[in-house]
Amino acid sequence: MLIGIVDSGIDYQHGDFRDSTGATRIVRLWDQTASGTGPPGTTFPYGKEWLPADLDASTSDETDSLEHGTHTAGIAFGDGSQTGGPTPAFTYAGMAPRADVIVVKTDFITPEIIDAVKYVFDMATARGQQAVVNLSLGTQYGSHDDRSEFESGLDALAGPGRIIVKSAGNDRGKAIHAQAFASAGGAAAT
């Protein structure tokens, strides 16, 4: 199984993302925000791709300044080894602590997010694996009815063995949508 994380990046040196020998468990890291010519052999001519050898040698300059991607990655595939304090190691492991992982640091623009999902699925195909991509990216743009170009683009990529998971968001309790109440036969002004 291959997990794709499309988010603000990752602290790739964190111990929860390394195996028992200290080697990275990340099979690819594509920083869409970095200047570069894109991942070799793909149709994405921007950003920079980092391979496991780069990550193990700590030569990647990718950082997760928002820390959201690292947090999300920990939930998805952290092994829990770096719990710290009085809590025993491996107490809080992620959902798939032995999965292969691809991380895409995105700029949160919808065409690039679609490129990121396609990149993960293309890599899964090349590796002969099924894949799930996590998009814990909150937004209130669009119609929320599965008809936007963004939603249609993601739908076109998903299918058997290609799953996209979207967070529910952090906007509970916020008045972000219009709402009106009217009694039977009554009227409501908007």
C-alpha atoms as a PDB file:
ATOM      1  CA  MET A   1       0.000   0.000   0.000  1.00  0.00           C
ATOM      2  CA  LEU A   2       1.193   3.473  -0.874  1.00  0.00           C
ATOM      3  CA  ILE A   3       0.005   6.510   1.072  1.00  0.00           C
ATOM      4  CA  GLY A   4       0.168   9.974  -0.452  1.00  0.00           C
ATOM      5  CA  ILE A   5       0.127  13.057   1.744  1.00  0.00           C
ATOM      6  CA  VAL A   6      -0.592  16.339  -0.077  1.00  0.00           C
ATOM      7  CA  ASP A   7      -0.123  19.147   2.418  1.00  0.00           C
ATOM      8  CA  SER A   8       2.274  21.817   3.709  1.00  0.00           C
ATOM      9  CA  GLY A   9       5.280  19.489   3.607  1.00  0.00           C
ATOM     10  CA  ILE A  10       6.861  17.258   6.235  1.00  0.00           C
ATOM     11  CA  ASP A  11       9.630  17.183   8.809  1.00  0.00           C
ATOM     12  CA  TYR A  12      11.227  14.285   6.957  1.00  0.00           C
ATOM     13  CA  GLN A  13      13.915  13.900   9.647  1.00  0.00           C
ATOM     14  CA  HIS A  14      11.355  13.080  12.355  1.00  0.00           C
ATOM     15  CA  GLY A  15      11.966   9.639  13.851  1.00  0.00           C
ATOM     16  CA  ASP A  16       8.347   8.531  13.391  1.00  0.00           C
ATOM     17  CA  PHE A  17       8.954   8.537   9.632  1.00  0.00           C
ATOM     18  CA  ARG A  18      12.057   6.322   9.728  1.00  0.00           C
ATOM     19  CA  ASP A  19      12.385   2.553   9.946  1.00  0.00           C
ATOM     20  CA  SER A  20      14.216   0.589  12.645  1.00  0.00           C
ATOM     21  CA  THR A  21      17.548   1.118  10.851  1.00  0.00           C
ATOM     22  CA  GLY A  22      17.057   4.893  10.716  1.00  0.00           C
ATOM     23  CA  ALA A  23      16.313   4.979   6.976  1.00  0.00           C
ATOM     24  CA  THR A  24      13.432   7.088   5.701  1.00  0.00           C
ATOM     25  CA  ARG A  25      10.123   5.446   4.949  1.00  0.00           C
ATOM     26  CA  ILE A  26       9.323   8.184   2.412  1.00  0.00           C
ATOM     27  CA  VAL A  27       9.818   6.843  -1.120  1.00  0.00           C
ATOM     28  CA  ARG A  28       9.413  10.275  -2.779  1.00  0.00           C
ATOM     29  CA  LEU A  29       9.070  13.873  -1.639  1.00  0.00           C
ATOM     30  CA  TRP A  30       7.964  16.390  -4.260  1.00  0.00           C
ATOM     31  CA  ASP A  31       8.184  20.022  -3.193  1.00  0.00           C
ATOM     32  CA  GLN A  32       5.931  21.841  -5.644  1.00  0.00           C
ATOM     33  CA  THR A  33       6.948  25.184  -4.113  1.00  0.00           C
ATOM     34  CA  ALA A  34      10.679  24.805  -4.791  1.00  0.00           C
ATOM     35  CA  SER A  35      12.293  26.140  -7.924  1.00  0.00           C
ATOM     36  CA  GLY A  36      13.239  23.342 -10.242  1.00  0.00           C
ATOM     37  CA  THR A  37      12.304  21.374 -13.323  1.00  0.00           C
ATOM     38  CA  GLY A  38       9.928  18.940 -11.621  1.00  0.00           C
ATOM     39  CA  PRO A  39      10.150  15.220 -10.963  1.00  0.00           C
ATOM     40  CA  PRO A  40      12.128  13.467 -13.719  1.00  0.00           C
ATOM     41  CA  GLY A  41      10.073  11.344 -16.090  1.00  0.00           C
ATOM     42  CA  THR A  42       6.803  13.118 -15.314  1.00  0.00           C
ATOM     43  CA  THR A  43       4.708  15.752 -17.054  1.00  0.00           C
ATOM     44  CA  PHE A  44       5.046  18.177 -14.126  1.00  0.00           C
ATOM     45  CA  PRO A  45       7.672  20.809 -15.076  1.00  0.00           C
ATOM     46  CA  TYR A  46       7.890  22.555 -11.704  1.00  0.00           C
ATOM     47  CA  GLY A  47       9.130  21.941  -8.201  1.00  0.00           C
ATOM     48  CA  LYS A  48      11.807  19.571  -7.010  1.00  0.00           C
ATOM     49  CA  GLU A  49      11.693  15.874  -6.211  1.00  0.00           C
ATOM     50  CA  TRP A  50      13.708  14.322  -3.413  1.00  0.00           C
ATOM     51  CA  LEU A  51      14.564  10.606  -3.301  1.00  0.00           C
ATOM     52  CA  PRO A  52      15.144   8.458  -0.189  1.00  0.00           C
ATOM     53  CA  ALA A  53      18.938   8.821  -0.518  1.00  0.00           C
ATOM     54  CA  ASP A  54      18.547  12.617  -0.393  1.00  0.00           C
ATOM     55  CA  LEU A  55      16.337  12.386   2.682  1.00  0.00           C
ATOM     56  CA  ASP A  56      18.656   9.925   4.443  1.00  0.00           C
ATOM     57  CA  ALA A  57      21.615  12.227   3.739  1.00  0.00           C
ATOM     58  CA  SER A  58      19.547  15.243   4.890  1.00  0.00           C
ATOM     59  CA  THR A  59      20.349  17.097   1.669  1.00  0.00           C
ATOM     60  CA  SER A  60      16.751  18.149   1.004  1.00  0.00           C
ATOM     61  CA  ASP A  61      15.978  21.774   1.834  1.00  0.00           C
ATOM     62  CA  GLU A  62      12.219  21.101   2.029  1.00  0.00           C
ATOM     63  CA  THR A  63      10.637  22.270   5.285  1.00  0.00           C
ATOM     64  CA  ASP A  64       7.159  22.222   6.736  1.00  0.00           C
ATOM     65  CA  SER A  65       6.899  25.751   8.103  1.00  0.00           C
ATOM     66  CA  LEU A  66       3.167  25.317   8.828  1.00  0.00           C
ATOM     67  CA  GLU A  67       3.738  21.918  10.531  1.00  0.00           C
ATOM     68  CA  HIS A  68       0.280  20.808   9.360  1.00  0.00           C
ATOM     69  CA  GLY A  69       1.657  18.292   6.872  1.00  0.00           C
ATOM     70  CA  THR A  70       3.899  16.740   9.520  1.00  0.00           C
ATOM     71  CA  HIS A  71       0.956  16.468  11.916  1.00  0.00           C
ATOM     72  CA  THR A  72      -1.229  14.877   9.226  1.00  0.00           C
ATOM     73  CA  ALA A  73       1.569  12.502   8.230  1.00  0.00           C
ATOM     74  CA  GLY A  74       1.955  11.401  11.844  1.00  0.00           C
ATOM     75  CA  ILE A  75      -1.724  10.453  11.979  1.00  0.00           C
ATOM     76  CA  ALA A  76      -1.501   8.630   8.652  1.00  0.00           C
ATOM     77  CA  PHE A  77       1.789   6.751   8.894  1.00  0.00           C
ATOM     78  CA  GLY A  78       3.847   7.746  11.939  1.00  0.00           C
ATOM     79  CA  ASP A  79       5.198   4.715  13.800  1.00  0.00           C
ATOM     80  CA  GLY A  80       4.906   6.334  17.247  1.00  0.00           C
ATOM     81  CA  SER A  81       8.546   5.674  18.130  1.00  0.00           C
ATOM     82  CA  GLN A  82       9.201   9.274  19.138  1.00  0.00           C
ATOM     83  CA  THR A  83       6.462   9.626  21.758  1.00  0.00           C
ATOM     84  CA  GLY A  84       8.825  11.088  24.368  1.00  0.00           C
ATOM     85  CA  GLY A  85       8.331  11.865  28.037  1.00  0.00           C
ATOM     86  CA  PRO A  86       6.791   9.212  30.284  1.00  0.00           C
ATOM     87  CA  THR A  87       4.623   7.812  27.461  1.00  0.00           C
ATOM     88  CA  PRO A  88       6.136   4.590  26.108  1.00  0.00           C
ATOM     89  CA  ALA A  89       7.347   4.579  22.510  1.00  0.00           C
ATOM     90  CA  PHE A  90       4.902   3.225  19.932  1.00  0.00           C
ATOM     91  CA  THR A  91       1.879   4.153  22.085  1.00  0.00           C
ATOM     92  CA  TYR A  92       0.521   6.573  19.487  1.00  0.00           C
ATOM     93  CA  ALA A  93       1.222   5.053  16.082  1.00  0.00           C
ATOM     94  CA  GLY A  94      -0.530   6.279  12.953  1.00  0.00           C
ATOM     95  CA  MET A  95      -3.065   4.353  10.912  1.00  0.00           C
ATOM     96  CA  ALA A  96      -0.527   2.679   8.589  1.00  0.00           C
ATOM     97  CA  PRO A  97       2.869   2.716  10.318  1.00  0.00           C
ATOM     98  CA  ARG A  98       4.469   0.337   7.814  1.00  0.00           C
ATOM     99  CA  ALA A  99       3.121   1.803   4.572  1.00  0.00           C
ATOM    100  CA  ASP A 100       5.258   3.233   1.804  1.00  0.00           C
ATOM    101  CA  VAL A 101       4.762   6.987   1.597  1.00  0.00           C
ATOM    102  CA  ILE A 102       4.935   9.807  -0.928  1.00  0.00           C
ATOM    103  CA  VAL A 103       4.695  13.366   0.350  1.00  0.00           C
ATOM    104  CA  VAL A 104       3.854  16.337  -1.841  1.00  0.00           C
ATOM    105  CA  LYS A 105       4.392  19.805  -0.429  1.00  0.00           C
ATOM    106  CA  THR A 106       1.833  21.890  -2.271  1.00  0.00           C
ATOM    107  CA  ASP A 107       1.104  25.575  -2.735  1.00  0.00           C
ATOM    108  CA  PHE A 108      -2.619  24.818  -2.148  1.00  0.00           C
ATOM    109  CA  ILE A 109      -3.670  25.919  -5.645  1.00  0.00           C
ATOM    110  CA  THR A 110      -6.198  23.464  -7.081  1.00  0.00           C
ATOM    111  CA  PRO A 111      -4.414  22.560 -10.364  1.00  0.00           C
ATOM    112  CA  GLU A 112      -1.282  21.740  -8.376  1.00  0.00           C
ATOM    113  CA  ILE A 113      -3.282  19.622  -5.931  1.00  0.00           C
ATOM    114  CA  ILE A 114      -4.689  17.642  -8.861  1.00  0.00           C
ATOM    115  CA  ASP A 115      -1.127  17.258 -10.205  1.00  0.00           C
ATOM    116  CA  ALA A 116      -0.038  16.007  -6.765  1.00  0.00           C
ATOM    117  CA  VAL A 117      -2.750  13.347  -6.650  1.00  0.00           C
ATOM    118  CA  LYS A 118      -1.940  12.249 -10.214  1.00  0.00           C
ATOM    119  CA  TYR A 119       1.775  12.097  -9.299  1.00  0.00           C
ATOM    120  CA  VAL A 120       1.055   9.778  -6.359  1.00  0.00           C
ATOM    121  CA  PHE A 121      -1.224   7.544  -8.417  1.00  0.00           C
ATOM    122  CA  ASP A 122       1.294   7.428 -11.295  1.00  0.00           C
ATOM    123  CA  MET A 123       4.024   6.409  -8.833  1.00  0.00           C
ATOM    124  CA  ALA A 124       1.731   3.738  -7.380  1.00  0.00           C
ATOM    125  CA  THR A 125       1.134   2.348 -10.864  1.00  0.00           C
ATOM    126  CA  ALA A 126       4.886   2.292 -11.559  1.00  0.00           C
ATOM    127  CA  ARG A 127       5.446   0.487  -8.243  1.00  0.00           C
ATOM    128  CA  GLY A 128       2.560  -1.965  -8.765  1.00  0.00           C
ATOM    129  CA  GLN A 129       0.756  -0.721  -5.651  1.00  0.00           C
ATOM    130  CA  GLN A 130      -2.672   0.476  -4.649  1.00  0.00           C
ATOM    131  CA  ALA A 131      -2.721   3.994  -3.233  1.00  0.00           C
ATOM    132  CA  VAL A 132      -4.687   6.300  -1.005  1.00  0.00           C
ATOM    133  CA  VAL A 133      -4.086  10.060  -1.029  1.00  0.00           C
ATOM    134  CA  ASN A 134      -4.934  12.219   1.966  1.00  0.00           C
ATOM    135  CA  LEU A 135      -6.078  15.789   1.319  1.00  0.00           C
ATOM    136  CA  SER A 136      -6.456  17.420   4.735  1.00  0.00           C
ATOM    137  CA  LEU A 137      -6.833  20.772   3.032  1.00  0.00           C
ATOM    138  CA  GLY A 138      -9.714  22.898   4.222  1.00  0.00           C
ATOM    139  CA  THR A 139     -11.420  25.369   1.945  1.00  0.00           C
ATOM    140  CA  GLN A 140     -14.823  26.885   1.551  1.00  0.00           C
ATOM    141  CA  TYR A 141     -14.391  27.760  -2.124  1.00  0.00           C
ATOM    142  CA  GLY A 142     -16.636  26.195  -4.710  1.00  0.00           C
ATOM    143  CA  SER A 143     -20.092  24.771  -4.752  1.00  0.00           C
ATOM    144  CA  HIS A 144     -19.575  21.778  -2.438  1.00  0.00           C
ATOM    145  CA  ASP A 145     -21.841  19.769  -4.729  1.00  0.00           C
ATOM    146  CA  ASP A 146     -19.240  17.703  -6.593  1.00  0.00           C
ATOM    147  CA  ARG A 147     -19.598  19.853  -9.727  1.00  0.00           C
ATOM    148  CA  SER A 148     -16.580  22.150  -9.590  1.00  0.00           C
ATOM    149  CA  GLU A 149     -13.663  21.631 -11.961  1.00  0.00           C
ATOM    150  CA  PHE A 150     -11.502  20.745  -8.959  1.00  0.00           C
ATOM    151  CA  GLU A 151     -13.901  18.078  -7.706  1.00  0.00           C
ATOM    152  CA  SER A 152     -14.373  16.706 -11.227  1.00  0.00           C
ATOM    153  CA  GLY A 153     -10.602  16.564 -11.694  1.00  0.00           C
ATOM    154  CA  LEU A 154     -10.178  14.562  -8.503  1.00  0.00           C
ATOM    155  CA  ASP A 155     -13.103  12.283  -9.393  1.00  0.00           C
ATOM    156  CA  ALA A 156     -11.443  11.494 -12.728  1.00  0.00           C
ATOM    157  CA  LEU A 157      -8.323  10.260 -10.913  1.00  0.00           C
ATOM    158  CA  ALA A 158     -10.074   8.083  -8.319  1.00  0.00           C
ATOM    159  CA  GLY A 159     -11.178   4.510  -8.901  1.00  0.00           C
ATOM    160  CA  PRO A 160     -10.437   0.942  -7.853  1.00  0.00           C
ATOM    161  CA  GLY A 161      -7.155   0.907  -5.947  1.00  0.00           C
ATOM    162  CA  ARG A 162      -6.980   4.718  -6.181  1.00  0.00           C
ATOM    163  CA  ILE A 163      -8.694   6.337  -3.208  1.00  0.00           C
ATOM    164  CA  ILE A 164      -8.767  10.034  -2.248  1.00  0.00           C
ATOM    165  CA  VAL A 165      -9.576  10.918   1.350  1.00  0.00           C
ATOM    166  CA  LYS A 166     -10.679  14.461   2.192  1.00  0.00           C
ATOM    167  CA  SER A 167     -10.860  15.925   5.671  1.00  0.00           C
ATOM    168  CA  ALA A 168     -14.151  17.229   6.962  1.00  0.00           C
ATOM    169  CA  GLY A 169     -12.510  20.538   7.881  1.00  0.00           C
ATOM    170  CA  ASN A 170     -12.186  22.654  10.964  1.00  0.00           C
ATOM    171  CA  ASP A 171     -15.111  25.003  10.385  1.00  0.00           C
ATOM    172  CA  ARG A 172     -17.712  23.433  12.660  1.00  0.00           C
ATOM    173  CA  GLY A 173     -19.827  26.060  14.300  1.00  0.00           C
ATOM    174  CA  LYS A 174     -18.755  28.849  11.950  1.00  0.00           C
ATOM    175  CA  ALA A 175     -21.427  30.723  10.043  1.00  0.00           C
ATOM    176  CA  ILE A 176     -19.923  30.153   6.600  1.00  0.00           C
ATOM    177  CA  HIS A 177     -23.075  29.225   4.689  1.00  0.00           C
ATOM    178  CA  ALA A 178     -26.312  31.158   4.331  1.00  0.00           C
ATOM    179  CA  GLN A 179     -29.122  30.035   6.569  1.00  0.00           C
ATOM    180  CA  ALA A 180     -32.719  31.162   7.045  1.00  0.00           C
ATOM    181  CA  PHE A 181     -35.637  29.860   9.050  1.00  0.00           C
ATOM    182  CA  ALA A 182     -39.258  30.435   8.067  1.00  0.00           C
ATOM    183  CA  SER A 183     -42.431  29.121   9.595  1.00  0.00           C
ATOM    184  CA  ALA A 184     -45.085  27.443   7.458  1.00  0.00           C
ATOM    185  CA  GLY A 185     -46.598  30.119   5.252  1.00  0.00           C
ATOM    186  CA  GLY A 186     -44.068  32.649   6.503  1.00  0.00           C
ATOM    187  CA  ALA A 187     -41.211  34.402   4.762  1.00  0.00           C
ATOM    188  CA  ALA A 188     -37.559  34.940   5.488  1.00  0.00           C
ATOM    189  CA  ALA A 189     -35.398  37.827   4.314  1.00  0.00           C
ATOM    190  CA  THR A 190     -31.861  37.116   3.208  1.00  0.00           C
END
